């Protein structure tokens, strides 16, 4: 069985004591740090901007998985690159010229990820799957933390895994929204490679143990 990657979502951190939370993540088995950037246009909320992210990037010892829930994400490729991001993730629904955006992200020296909202079929990625490093399936409607997991995500993971295998692509499958120790084994069984976890990590009595349990879900 492959190892599961875990990417704690900063959106659920305690921003009154952010340095402490980041130190706990640094000391944990977390693989990446997931950063959600929201603009209040593409999604009905605003998260944090690049001044905060610059501070986070300086403190984090984990690779940065940057998820842009914004319109025209390609405009911010230089800023995301300047953070030292490992992965830049853009929404299929926000990019009418998705292939071009993926190429621009890669030309900037980052890995390129594409995100699908819950109502967007994985079939929409058939013509682009060979070009992306990762596909992020939203298992809640994007814009808010702490939402309940949408069960149809299991079916979408299986469909995406079939497509990746059939096309001999190498894209990872990431899942974000309502992920916890209860559904992690099912997500792994369905074919997920990376779990984004917010509330279930940052609100756990022991963040390090919560991450350990997600990584070792069976």
Protein backbone atom coordinates (compact mmCIF):
# COMPACT_ATOMS: atom_id res chain seq x y z
CA UNK A 1 0.00 0.00 0.00
CA UNK A 2 1.41 3.41 -0.96
CA UNK A 3 2.22 6.03 1.65
CA UNK A 4 -0.41 8.72 2.09
CA UNK A 5 0.73 12.32 1.95
CA UNK A 6 -0.88 14.78 4.38
CA UNK A 7 -1.10 18.53 3.78
CA UNK A 8 -2.54 20.44 6.77
CA UNK A 9 -4.65 23.40 5.65
CA UNK A 10 -3.51 26.70 7.15
CA UNK A 11 -7.06 28.05 6.82
CA UNK A 12 -7.94 26.25 10.08
CA UNK A 13 -4.90 27.46 12.04
CA UNK A 14 -5.06 29.80 15.03
CA UNK A 15 -4.02 33.11 13.49
CA UNK A 16 -3.58 34.67 16.93
CA UNK A 17 -0.77 32.16 17.51
CA UNK A 18 0.26 31.27 13.98
CA UNK A 19 3.95 30.84 14.70
CA UNK A 20 3.21 28.18 17.32
CA UNK A 21 0.92 26.25 14.97
CA UNK A 22 3.53 26.36 12.20
CA UNK A 23 6.20 25.05 14.58
CA UNK A 24 3.93 22.10 15.41
CA UNK A 25 3.47 21.38 11.71
CA UNK A 26 7.24 21.62 11.14
CA UNK A 27 7.83 19.03 13.85
CA UNK A 28 5.11 16.69 12.56
CA UNK A 29 5.02 14.04 9.83
CA UNK A 30 3.11 16.40 7.53
CA UNK A 31 4.38 16.28 3.95
CA UNK A 32 3.22 19.68 2.70
CA UNK A 33 1.52 22.83 3.97
CA UNK A 34 -1.70 23.66 2.11
CA UNK A 35 -2.43 27.37 1.59
CA UNK A 36 -5.88 28.50 0.39
CA UNK A 37 -6.00 31.93 -1.26
CA UNK A 38 -9.56 33.30 -1.69
CA UNK A 39 -10.68 36.52 -3.37
CA UNK A 40 -14.35 36.89 -2.38
CA UNK A 41 -15.26 36.69 -6.09
CA UNK A 42 -14.64 33.11 -7.23
CA UNK A 43 -15.62 31.93 -3.74
CA UNK A 44 -17.80 33.77 -1.19
CA UNK A 45 -14.99 34.49 1.24
CA UNK A 46 -11.59 36.16 1.59
CA UNK A 47 -8.70 34.35 3.28
CA UNK A 48 -5.20 35.80 3.46
CA UNK A 49 -2.98 37.71 1.07
CA UNK A 50 0.67 37.59 0.09
CA UNK A 51 2.05 39.61 3.05
CA UNK A 52 0.74 36.91 5.43
CA UNK A 53 1.87 34.13 3.10
CA UNK A 54 5.39 35.61 2.93
CA UNK A 55 5.58 35.33 6.72
CA UNK A 56 4.26 31.76 6.58
CA UNK A 57 6.74 30.79 3.87
CA UNK A 58 9.64 32.07 6.00
CA UNK A 59 8.55 29.95 8.98
CA UNK A 60 7.41 26.78 7.22
CA UNK A 61 9.86 23.94 6.71
CA UNK A 62 7.32 22.00 4.62
CA UNK A 63 6.86 22.35 0.83
CA UNK A 64 4.07 24.81 0.05
CA UNK A 65 0.96 23.56 -1.76
CA UNK A 66 -0.73 26.80 -2.86
CA UNK A 67 -4.41 26.59 -3.86
CA UNK A 68 -5.77 29.68 -5.62
CA UNK A 69 -9.57 29.94 -5.31
CA UNK A 70 -9.59 33.13 -7.36
CA UNK A 71 -10.45 34.50 -10.78
CA UNK A 72 -7.52 34.97 -13.19
CA UNK A 73 -5.04 33.03 -11.04
CA UNK A 74 -2.41 33.30 -13.77
CA UNK A 75 -1.90 36.96 -12.80
CA UNK A 76 -0.33 35.83 -9.53
CA UNK A 77 2.13 33.23 -10.81
CA UNK A 78 5.15 35.49 -10.01
CA UNK A 79 3.90 36.11 -6.44
CA UNK A 80 3.30 32.42 -5.80
CA UNK A 81 6.72 31.56 -7.24
CA UNK A 82 8.31 34.23 -4.98
CA UNK A 83 6.94 32.36 -1.94
CA UNK A 84 9.02 29.37 -2.96
CA UNK A 85 5.89 27.32 -3.63
CA UNK A 86 6.33 23.71 -4.70
CA UNK A 87 2.82 23.39 -6.19
CA UNK A 88 0.45 26.00 -7.65
CA UNK A 89 -3.11 24.78 -7.90
CA UNK A 90 -5.73 26.57 -10.02
CA UNK A 91 -9.41 25.88 -10.56
CA UNK A 92 -10.62 24.38 -13.82
CA UNK A 93 -13.71 26.59 -13.45
CA UNK A 94 -11.61 29.79 -13.20
CA UNK A 95 -9.37 29.16 -16.24
CA UNK A 96 -10.92 29.32 -19.71
CA UNK A 97 -7.41 28.81 -21.12
CA UNK A 98 -6.31 26.09 -18.71
CA UNK A 99 -3.57 24.55 -20.86
CA UNK A 100 -1.85 27.94 -21.17
CA UNK A 101 -2.01 28.53 -17.41
CA UNK A 102 -0.54 25.09 -16.68
CA UNK A 103 2.36 25.82 -19.04
CA UNK A 104 2.96 29.21 -17.40
CA UNK A 105 3.08 27.61 -13.93
CA UNK A 106 5.60 25.02 -15.12
CA UNK A 107 7.69 27.64 -16.92
CA UNK A 108 7.91 29.48 -13.59
CA UNK A 109 9.50 26.36 -12.08
CA UNK A 110 6.56 25.05 -10.05
CA UNK A 111 4.47 21.91 -10.27
CA UNK A 112 1.01 22.50 -11.73
CA UNK A 113 -2.21 21.34 -10.10
CA UNK A 114 -5.82 21.63 -11.26
CA UNK A 115 -8.77 21.74 -8.88
CA UNK A 116 -12.32 20.57 -9.58
CA UNK A 117 -15.37 21.80 -7.66
CA UNK A 118 -17.82 19.11 -6.42
CA UNK A 119 -20.19 19.57 -9.39
CA UNK A 120 -17.46 19.46 -12.08
CA UNK A 121 -17.04 15.99 -13.66
CA UNK A 122 -13.54 14.49 -13.79
CA UNK A 123 -14.13 13.81 -17.52
CA UNK A 124 -13.39 17.51 -18.11
CA UNK A 125 -9.70 16.71 -17.50
CA UNK A 126 -9.39 14.04 -20.20
CA UNK A 127 -7.47 16.35 -22.56
CA UNK A 128 -5.19 17.85 -19.92
CA UNK A 129 -4.43 14.96 -17.54
CA UNK A 130 -1.03 14.27 -19.11
CA UNK A 131 0.08 17.85 -18.47
CA UNK A 132 -0.74 18.21 -14.77
CA UNK A 133 1.23 17.07 -11.74
CA UNK A 134 -1.81 16.82 -9.49
CA UNK A 135 -5.60 17.01 -9.49
CA UNK A 136 -7.31 18.37 -6.39
CA UNK A 137 -10.87 17.15 -5.91
CA UNK A 138 -12.90 19.45 -3.66
CA UNK A 139 -14.98 17.30 -1.32
CA UNK A 140 -16.85 20.38 -0.07
CA UNK A 141 -17.90 23.54 -1.89
CA UNK A 142 -14.88 25.84 -1.71
CA UNK A 143 -14.86 29.00 0.34
CA UNK A 144 -15.22 27.94 3.96
CA UNK A 145 -13.47 25.59 6.39
CA UNK A 146 -15.21 23.05 8.59
CA UNK A 147 -17.78 21.79 6.07
CA UNK A 148 -19.15 18.24 5.85
CA UNK A 149 -17.61 15.82 3.36
CA UNK A 150 -19.60 15.18 0.15
CA UNK A 151 -19.85 11.35 -0.28
CA UNK A 152 -19.92 11.48 -4.10
CA UNK A 153 -16.20 12.32 -3.87
CA UNK A 154 -15.39 8.60 -3.49
CA UNK A 155 -16.89 7.94 -6.92
CA UNK A 156 -14.96 10.85 -8.44
CA UNK A 157 -11.67 9.62 -6.99
CA UNK A 158 -12.25 6.19 -8.53
CA UNK A 159 -13.13 7.74 -11.91
CA UNK A 160 -10.05 9.93 -11.83
CA UNK A 161 -7.81 7.04 -10.82
CA UNK A 162 -9.16 5.03 -13.79
CA UNK A 163 -8.41 7.94 -16.14
CA UNK A 164 -4.86 8.39 -14.82
CA UNK A 165 -4.15 4.66 -15.15
CA UNK A 166 -5.71 4.40 -18.62
CA UNK A 167 -3.78 7.44 -19.93
CA UNK A 168 -0.57 6.35 -18.17
CA UNK A 169 -0.43 9.77 -16.54
CA UNK A 170 1.51 10.51 -13.36
CA UNK A 171 -0.81 13.04 -11.69
CA UNK A 172 -1.38 12.70 -7.96
CA UNK A 173 -4.93 12.81 -6.58
CA UNK A 174 -5.46 15.26 -3.72
CA UNK A 175 -8.70 15.57 -1.71
CA UNK A 176 -9.73 18.67 0.25
CA UNK A 177 -12.75 19.20 2.49
CA UNK A 178 -14.13 17.37 5.50
CA UNK A 179 -11.19 14.96 5.60
CA UNK A 180 -10.73 13.18 8.95
CA UNK A 181 -9.44 9.95 10.48
CA UNK A 182 -12.82 8.28 9.90
CA UNK A 183 -12.95 8.75 6.11
CA UNK A 184 -9.19 8.72 5.45
CA UNK A 185 -9.03 4.89 5.03
CA UNK A 186 -11.88 5.02 2.48
CA UNK A 187 -10.20 7.88 0.61
CA UNK A 188 -6.98 5.89 0.45
CA UNK A 189 -8.83 2.79 -0.75
CA UNK A 190 -10.58 4.83 -3.47
CA UNK A 191 -7.21 5.98 -4.81
CA UNK A 192 -6.30 9.29 -3.13
CA UNK A 193 -2.60 10.16 -2.77
CA UNK A 194 -2.76 13.39 -0.75
CA UNK A 195 -5.16 14.41 2.02
CA UNK A 196 -5.72 18.07 2.85
CA UNK A 197 -6.91 18.33 6.44
CA UNK A 198 -7.87 21.52 8.26
CA UNK A 199 -10.17 21.24 11.26
CA UNK A 200 -9.29 17.60 11.94
CA UNK A 201 -5.63 18.60 12.41
CA UNK A 202 -5.64 22.11 13.87
CA UNK A 203 -8.51 21.44 16.29
CA UNK A 204 -7.17 18.09 17.45
CA UNK A 205 -5.85 17.78 21.03
CA UNK A 206 -2.53 16.63 19.54
CA UNK A 207 -1.84 17.91 16.00
CA UNK A 208 1.14 15.62 15.50
CA UNK A 209 -0.87 12.53 16.42
CA UNK A 210 -3.77 13.58 14.16
CA UNK A 211 -1.36 13.89 11.21
CA UNK A 212 0.22 10.53 12.09
CA UNK A 213 -3.20 8.84 12.07
CA UNK A 214 -4.11 10.36 8.69
CA UNK A 215 -0.81 9.25 7.15
CA UNK A 216 -1.21 5.72 8.43
CA UNK A 217 -4.92 5.28 7.69
CA UNK A 218 -5.76 1.68 6.81
